[in-house]
Amino acid sequence: MPSLTTESERPQGLIMTTTHTAPVRDRDTITTTAFDNAAAADIGLLIVRVVFGGLLAAHGTQKLFGWFSGPGLDANNAMFEAMGYNPGALFGTLAGLTELVGGLLLAFGLFTPLAAAIALGTMINAINATWGPGLFGQGGWEMGLLFGAVAAGLGFTGAGRYALDAGRPWERNGLVWGVGVLGLAVVSAVLTLILKWAL
């Protein structure tokens, strides 16, 4: 007849242990997941770039050529003079060109840090010009802030793999180039405002 061993009779040196083994993920699975995440981020950047850059470029064509129901160059320059940017021909044309060139560069993902700085500097001046009505007021600076934030963000993230910049040095060190974008944008905006007040 088998003997029954009670808890008190069990040898004191023996300890009951349970081993839990964490599931091991296959290396190929980890690599595939990382690739999928990176591809998704790059597709997201592509969408943001094309939409934002396209809209910014379209605003530039409104000012320069009157496309998309825009005012055209003469009316745009007169509007800039009314806002205190004299001579209007200089500032109005400059605004249209920066929006057009900066927008196209962002849409194609070419020289993205420079394009982001151009767009951000333009939006800083747009915020200054529309400061009076406030953030949410009619004709306020809400859109300038939104566009500027997107431009600043792209300065840090870069254009992604689906861009003409893919593999360039500034795509491999986003933080440094992002800070450079902010600095260049602020300097260009301040210089524009100084020129406005001086003329």
C-alpha atoms as a PDB file:
ATOM      1  CA  MET A   1       0.000   0.000   0.000  1.00  0.00           C
ATOM      2  CA  PRO A   2       1.544   3.374  -1.028  1.00  0.00           C
ATOM      3  CA  SER A   3       2.511   5.612   1.847  1.00  0.00           C
ATOM      4  CA  LEU A   4       1.135   9.102   2.181  1.00  0.00           C
ATOM      5  CA  THR A   5       3.611  11.849   2.952  1.00  0.00           C
ATOM      6  CA  THR A   6       2.273  14.839   4.838  1.00  0.00           C
ATOM      7  CA  GLU A   7       3.497  18.412   4.381  1.00  0.00           C
ATOM      8  CA  SER A   8       5.408  18.239   7.660  1.00  0.00           C
ATOM      9  CA  GLU A   9       7.171  15.047   6.570  1.00  0.00           C
ATOM     10  CA  ARG A  10       8.433  16.470   3.241  1.00  0.00           C
ATOM     11  CA  PRO A  11      12.246  16.965   3.233  1.00  0.00           C
ATOM     12  CA  GLN A  12      13.022  20.500   4.296  1.00  0.00           C
ATOM     13  CA  GLY A  13      15.617  21.052   1.565  1.00  0.00           C
ATOM     14  CA  LEU A  14      13.151  20.670  -1.272  1.00  0.00           C
ATOM     15  CA  ILE A  15      11.401  23.775  -2.640  1.00  0.00           C
ATOM     16  CA  MET A  16       8.562  23.549  -5.109  1.00  0.00           C
ATOM     17  CA  THR A  17       9.155  25.954  -8.007  1.00  0.00           C
ATOM     18  CA  THR A  18       7.258  26.769 -11.164  1.00  0.00           C
ATOM     19  CA  THR A  19       9.062  28.124 -14.203  1.00  0.00           C
ATOM     20  CA  HIS A  20       7.215  30.476 -16.565  1.00  0.00           C
ATOM     21  CA  THR A  21       8.765  30.784 -19.981  1.00  0.00           C
ATOM     22  CA  ALA A  22       8.012  33.997 -21.885  1.00  0.00           C
ATOM     23  CA  PRO A  23       6.906  33.426 -25.453  1.00  0.00           C
ATOM     24  CA  VAL A  24       9.782  33.867 -27.842  1.00  0.00           C
ATOM     25  CA  ARG A  25       8.991  35.979 -30.882  1.00  0.00           C
ATOM     26  CA  ASP A  26      10.474  34.853 -34.126  1.00  0.00           C
ATOM     27  CA  ARG A  27      13.186  37.213 -35.391  1.00  0.00           C
ATOM     28  CA  ASP A  28      11.535  37.402 -38.799  1.00  0.00           C
ATOM     29  CA  THR A  29       8.266  38.426 -37.145  1.00  0.00           C
ATOM     30  CA  ILE A  30       9.980  41.238 -35.226  1.00  0.00           C
ATOM     31  CA  THR A  31      11.749  42.441 -38.368  1.00  0.00           C
ATOM     32  CA  THR A  32       8.541  42.351 -40.387  1.00  0.00           C
ATOM     33  CA  THR A  33       6.633  44.275 -37.713  1.00  0.00           C
ATOM     34  CA  ALA A  34       9.318  46.968 -37.556  1.00  0.00           C
ATOM     35  CA  PHE A  35       9.297  47.230 -41.345  1.00  0.00           C
ATOM     36  CA  ASP A  36       5.506  47.521 -41.428  1.00  0.00           C
ATOM     37  CA  ASN A  37       5.556  50.258 -38.778  1.00  0.00           C
ATOM     38  CA  ALA A  38       8.236  52.208 -40.652  1.00  0.00           C
ATOM     39  CA  ALA A  39       6.355  51.851 -43.935  1.00  0.00           C
ATOM     40  CA  ALA A  40       3.142  53.063 -42.303  1.00  0.00           C
ATOM     41  CA  ALA A  41       4.938  56.124 -40.901  1.00  0.00           C
ATOM     42  CA  ASP A  42       6.440  56.911 -44.301  1.00  0.00           C
ATOM     43  CA  ILE A  43       3.051  56.624 -45.997  1.00  0.00           C
ATOM     44  CA  GLY A  44       1.610  58.960 -43.370  1.00  0.00           C
ATOM     45  CA  LEU A  45       4.370  61.487 -44.029  1.00  0.00           C
ATOM     46  CA  LEU A  46       3.739  61.206 -47.765  1.00  0.00           C
ATOM     47  CA  ILE A  47       0.051  62.031 -47.296  1.00  0.00           C
ATOM     48  CA  VAL A  48       0.802  64.996 -45.014  1.00  0.00           C
ATOM     49  CA  ARG A  49       3.482  66.339 -47.363  1.00  0.00           C
ATOM     50  CA  VAL A  50       1.441  66.090 -50.543  1.00  0.00           C
ATOM     51  CA  VAL A  51      -1.726  67.597 -49.050  1.00  0.00           C
ATOM     52  CA  PHE A  52       0.017  70.333 -47.078  1.00  0.00           C
ATOM     53  CA  GLY A  53       2.543  71.163 -49.779  1.00  0.00           C
ATOM     54  CA  GLY A  54      -0.140  71.134 -52.456  1.00  0.00           C
ATOM     55  CA  LEU A  55      -2.395  73.491 -50.504  1.00  0.00           C
ATOM     56  CA  LEU A  56       0.498  75.830 -49.735  1.00  0.00           C
ATOM     57  CA  ALA A  57       1.557  75.898 -53.391  1.00  0.00           C
ATOM     58  CA  ALA A  58      -2.056  76.532 -54.430  1.00  0.00           C
ATOM     59  CA  HIS A  59      -2.167  79.571 -52.133  1.00  0.00           C
ATOM     60  CA  GLY A  60       0.961  80.808 -53.870  1.00  0.00           C
ATOM     61  CA  THR A  61      -0.645  80.482 -57.300  1.00  0.00           C
ATOM     62  CA  GLN A  62      -3.678  82.384 -56.030  1.00  0.00           C
ATOM     63  CA  LYS A  63      -1.444  85.299 -55.139  1.00  0.00           C
ATOM     64  CA  LEU A  64       0.758  85.190 -58.228  1.00  0.00           C
ATOM     65  CA  PHE A  65      -1.555  84.085 -61.029  1.00  0.00           C
ATOM     66  CA  GLY A  66      -5.105  84.373 -59.725  1.00  0.00           C
ATOM     67  CA  TRP A  67      -5.632  80.615 -59.992  1.00  0.00           C
ATOM     68  CA  PHE A  68      -8.208  78.812 -57.827  1.00  0.00           C
ATOM     69  CA  SER A  69     -10.321  81.973 -57.501  1.00  0.00           C
ATOM     70  CA  GLY A  70      -7.335  83.891 -56.123  1.00  0.00           C
ATOM     71  CA  PRO A  71      -6.862  87.662 -56.241  1.00  0.00           C
ATOM     72  CA  GLY A  72      -3.966  87.683 -58.709  1.00  0.00           C
ATOM     73  CA  LEU A  73      -0.721  89.591 -58.358  1.00  0.00           C
ATOM     74  CA  ASP A  74      -1.967  93.195 -58.556  1.00  0.00           C
ATOM     75  CA  ALA A  75      -4.832  92.723 -56.098  1.00  0.00           C
ATOM     76  CA  ASN A  76      -2.610  90.659 -53.828  1.00  0.00           C
ATOM     77  CA  ASN A  77       0.054  93.363 -53.766  1.00  0.00           C
ATOM     78  CA  ALA A  78      -2.580  95.976 -52.951  1.00  0.00           C
ATOM     79  CA  MET A  79      -3.800  93.795 -50.094  1.00  0.00           C
ATOM     80  CA  PHE A  80      -0.282  93.567 -48.688  1.00  0.00           C
ATOM     81  CA  GLU A  81       0.076  97.335 -48.827  1.00  0.00           C
ATOM     82  CA  ALA A  82      -3.207  97.670 -46.941  1.00  0.00           C
ATOM     83  CA  MET A  83      -1.764  95.420 -44.215  1.00  0.00           C
ATOM     84  CA  GLY A  84       1.280  97.690 -43.904  1.00  0.00           C
ATOM     85  CA  TYR A  85       3.691  95.652 -46.017  1.00  0.00           C
ATOM     86  CA  ASN A  86       5.080  98.390 -48.261  1.00  0.00           C
ATOM     87  CA  PRO A  87       6.002  98.188 -51.027  1.00  0.00           C
ATOM     88  CA  GLY A  88       3.241  95.695 -51.698  1.00  0.00           C
ATOM     89  CA  ALA A  89       4.851  94.581 -54.951  1.00  0.00           C
ATOM     90  CA  LEU A  90       7.878  93.317 -53.026  1.00  0.00           C
ATOM     91  CA  PHE A  91       6.171  91.644 -50.095  1.00  0.00           C
ATOM     92  CA  GLY A  92       3.160  90.349 -52.021  1.00  0.00           C
ATOM     93  CA  THR A  93       5.293  88.757 -54.710  1.00  0.00           C
ATOM     94  CA  LEU A  94       7.691  87.357 -52.116  1.00  0.00           C
ATOM     95  CA  ALA A  95       4.823  85.784 -50.181  1.00  0.00           C
ATOM     96  CA  GLY A  96       3.429  84.154 -53.303  1.00  0.00           C
ATOM     97  CA  LEU A  97       6.812  82.816 -54.372  1.00  0.00           C
ATOM     98  CA  THR A  98       7.674  81.383 -50.952  1.00  0.00           C
ATOM     99  CA  GLU A  99       4.324  79.609 -50.742  1.00  0.00           C
ATOM    100  CA  LEU A 100       4.613  78.226 -54.264  1.00  0.00           C
ATOM    101  CA  VAL A 101       8.241  77.110 -54.056  1.00  0.00           C
ATOM    102  CA  GLY A 102       8.070  75.913 -50.454  1.00  0.00           C
ATOM    103  CA  GLY A 103       4.853  74.017 -51.103  1.00  0.00           C
ATOM    104  CA  LEU A 104       6.161  72.239 -54.194  1.00  0.00           C
ATOM    105  CA  LEU A 105       9.408  71.263 -52.474  1.00  0.00           C
ATOM    106  CA  LEU A 106       7.479  69.818 -49.534  1.00  0.00           C
ATOM    107  CA  ALA A 107       5.057  67.949 -51.777  1.00  0.00           C
ATOM    108  CA  PHE A 108       7.919  66.273 -53.634  1.00  0.00           C
ATOM    109  CA  GLY A 109      10.021  65.847 -50.498  1.00  0.00           C
ATOM    110  CA  LEU A 110      12.986  67.740 -51.914  1.00  0.00           C
ATOM    111  CA  PHE A 111      15.313  69.824 -49.701  1.00  0.00           C
ATOM    112  CA  THR A 112      12.741  69.308 -46.963  1.00  0.00           C
ATOM    113  CA  PRO A 113      14.506  71.247 -44.164  1.00  0.00           C
ATOM    114  CA  LEU A 114      14.843  74.321 -46.391  1.00  0.00           C
ATOM    115  CA  ALA A 115      11.267  73.966 -47.646  1.00  0.00           C
ATOM    116  CA  ALA A 116       9.952  73.598 -44.096  1.00  0.00           C
ATOM    117  CA  ALA A 117      11.878  76.697 -42.998  1.00  0.00           C
ATOM    118  CA  ILE A 118      10.471  78.683 -45.946  1.00  0.00           C
ATOM    119  CA  ALA A 119       6.930  77.595 -45.116  1.00  0.00           C
ATOM    120  CA  LEU A 120       7.308  78.211 -41.377  1.00  0.00           C
ATOM    121  CA  GLY A 121       8.864  81.643 -41.862  1.00  0.00           C
ATOM    122  CA  THR A 122       6.008  82.600 -44.187  1.00  0.00           C
ATOM    123  CA  MET A 123       3.447  81.406 -41.642  1.00  0.00           C
ATOM    124  CA  ILE A 124       5.088  83.381 -38.837  1.00  0.00           C
ATOM    125  CA  ASN A 125       4.592  86.504 -40.921  1.00  0.00           C
ATOM    126  CA  ALA A 126       1.034  85.417 -41.721  1.00  0.00           C
ATOM    127  CA  ILE A 127       0.340  85.083 -37.993  1.00  0.00           C
ATOM    128  CA  ASN A 128       1.741  88.567 -37.433  1.00  0.00           C
ATOM    129  CA  ALA A 129      -0.442  89.996 -40.209  1.00  0.00           C
ATOM    130  CA  THR A 130      -3.617  88.359 -38.867  1.00  0.00           C
ATOM    131  CA  TRP A 131      -2.931  88.797 -35.157  1.00  0.00           C
ATOM    132  CA  GLY A 132      -5.617  91.428 -34.606  1.00  0.00           C
ATOM    133  CA  PRO A 133      -8.748  89.243 -34.932  1.00  0.00           C
ATOM    134  CA  GLY A 134      -7.296  86.646 -32.571  1.00  0.00           C
ATOM    135  CA  LEU A 135      -6.876  82.907 -32.912  1.00  0.00           C
ATOM    136  CA  PHE A 136     -10.460  81.988 -33.795  1.00  0.00           C
ATOM    137  CA  GLY A 137     -11.772  85.346 -35.006  1.00  0.00           C
ATOM    138  CA  GLN A 138     -12.822  86.003 -38.573  1.00  0.00           C
ATOM    139  CA  GLY A 139      -9.608  86.316 -40.574  1.00  0.00           C
ATOM    140  CA  GLY A 140      -7.577  85.302 -37.505  1.00  0.00           C
ATOM    141  CA  TRP A 141      -4.324  83.410 -37.312  1.00  0.00           C
ATOM    142  CA  GLU A 142      -5.682  79.893 -36.785  1.00  0.00           C
ATOM    143  CA  MET A 143      -4.697  78.685 -40.269  1.00  0.00           C
ATOM    144  CA  GLY A 144      -1.279  80.319 -40.025  1.00  0.00           C
ATOM    145  CA  LEU A 145      -0.653  78.457 -36.772  1.00  0.00           C
ATOM    146  CA  LEU A 146      -1.884  75.161 -38.226  1.00  0.00           C
ATOM    147  CA  PHE A 147       0.228  75.446 -41.380  1.00  0.00           C
ATOM    148  CA  GLY A 148       3.242  76.580 -39.371  1.00  0.00           C
ATOM    149  CA  ALA A 149       2.945  73.640 -36.979  1.00  0.00           C
ATOM    150  CA  VAL A 150       2.837  71.166 -39.868  1.00  0.00           C
ATOM    151  CA  ALA A 151       5.897  72.792 -41.452  1.00  0.00           C
ATOM    152  CA  ALA A 152       7.808  72.668 -38.160  1.00  0.00           C
ATOM    153  CA  GLY A 153       6.847  69.036 -37.646  1.00  0.00           C
ATOM    154  CA  LEU A 154       8.083  68.070 -41.108  1.00  0.00           C
ATOM    155  CA  GLY A 155      11.341  69.843 -40.333  1.00  0.00           C
ATOM    156  CA  PHE A 156      11.918  67.349 -37.513  1.00  0.00           C
ATOM    157  CA  THR A 157      10.500  64.175 -39.060  1.00  0.00           C
ATOM    158  CA  GLY A 158      11.912  64.673 -42.520  1.00  0.00           C
ATOM    159  CA  ALA A 159      10.120  63.699 -45.689  1.00  0.00           C
ATOM    160  CA  GLY A 160      10.225  59.929 -45.209  1.00  0.00           C
ATOM    161  CA  ARG A 161      11.305  57.240 -47.645  1.00  0.00           C
ATOM    162  CA  TYR A 162       8.768  58.083 -50.324  1.00  0.00           C
ATOM    163  CA  ALA A 163      10.417  61.370 -51.224  1.00  0.00           C
ATOM    164  CA  LEU A 164      13.209  62.753 -53.366  1.00  0.00           C
ATOM    165  CA  ASP A 165      15.164  63.401 -50.166  1.00  0.00           C
ATOM    166  CA  ALA A 166      15.286  59.702 -49.233  1.00  0.00           C
ATOM    167  CA  GLY A 167      18.791  58.765 -48.135  1.00  0.00           C
ATOM    168  CA  ARG A 168      20.126  62.307 -47.957  1.00  0.00           C
ATOM    169  CA  PRO A 169      22.123  63.358 -44.852  1.00  0.00           C
ATOM    170  CA  TRP A 170      19.370  65.507 -43.328  1.00  0.00           C
ATOM    171  CA  GLU A 171      17.036  62.495 -43.368  1.00  0.00           C
ATOM    172  CA  ARG A 172      19.355  60.677 -40.943  1.00  0.00           C
ATOM    173  CA  ASN A 173      19.655  63.340 -38.237  1.00  0.00           C
ATOM    174  CA  GLY A 174      16.215  64.833 -37.807  1.00  0.00           C
ATOM    175  CA  LEU A 175      16.727  66.583 -34.458  1.00  0.00           C
ATOM    176  CA  VAL A 176      19.635  68.757 -35.581  1.00  0.00           C
ATOM    177  CA  TRP A 177      17.953  69.681 -38.844  1.00  0.00           C
ATOM    178  CA  GLY A 178      14.645  70.308 -37.092  1.00  0.00           C
ATOM    179  CA  VAL A 179      16.242  72.804 -34.729  1.00  0.00           C
ATOM    180  CA  GLY A 180      17.931  74.386 -37.738  1.00  0.00           C
ATOM    181  CA  VAL A 181      14.553  74.726 -39.455  1.00  0.00           C
ATOM    182  CA  LEU A 182      13.114  76.550 -36.447  1.00  0.00           C
ATOM    183  CA  GLY A 183      16.115  78.870 -36.248  1.00  0.00           C
ATOM    184  CA  LEU A 184      16.167  79.699 -39.951  1.00  0.00           C
ATOM    185  CA  ALA A 185      12.409  80.280 -40.022  1.00  0.00           C
ATOM    186  CA  VAL A 186      12.493  82.654 -37.056  1.00  0.00           C
ATOM    187  CA  VAL A 187      15.468  84.577 -38.458  1.00  0.00           C
ATOM    188  CA  SER A 188      13.858  84.956 -41.896  1.00  0.00           C
ATOM    189  CA  ALA A 189      10.550  86.038 -40.361  1.00  0.00           C
ATOM    190  CA  VAL A 190      12.235  88.600 -38.113  1.00  0.00           C
ATOM    191  CA  LEU A 191      14.273  89.981 -41.017  1.00  0.00           C
ATOM    192  CA  THR A 192      11.085  90.332 -43.069  1.00  0.00           C
ATOM    193  CA  LEU A 193       9.371  92.220 -40.254  1.00  0.00           C
ATOM    194  CA  ILE A 194      12.400  94.482 -39.798  1.00  0.00           C
ATOM    195  CA  LEU A 195      12.363  95.196 -43.532  1.00  0.00           C
ATOM    196  CA  LYS A 196       8.649  95.941 -43.335  1.00  0.00           C
ATOM    197  CA  TRP A 197       9.132  98.464 -40.538  1.00  0.00           C
ATOM    198  CA  ALA A 198      12.193 100.007 -42.197  1.00  0.00           C
ATOM    199  CA  LEU A 199      10.576 100.680 -45.579  1.00  0.00           C
END
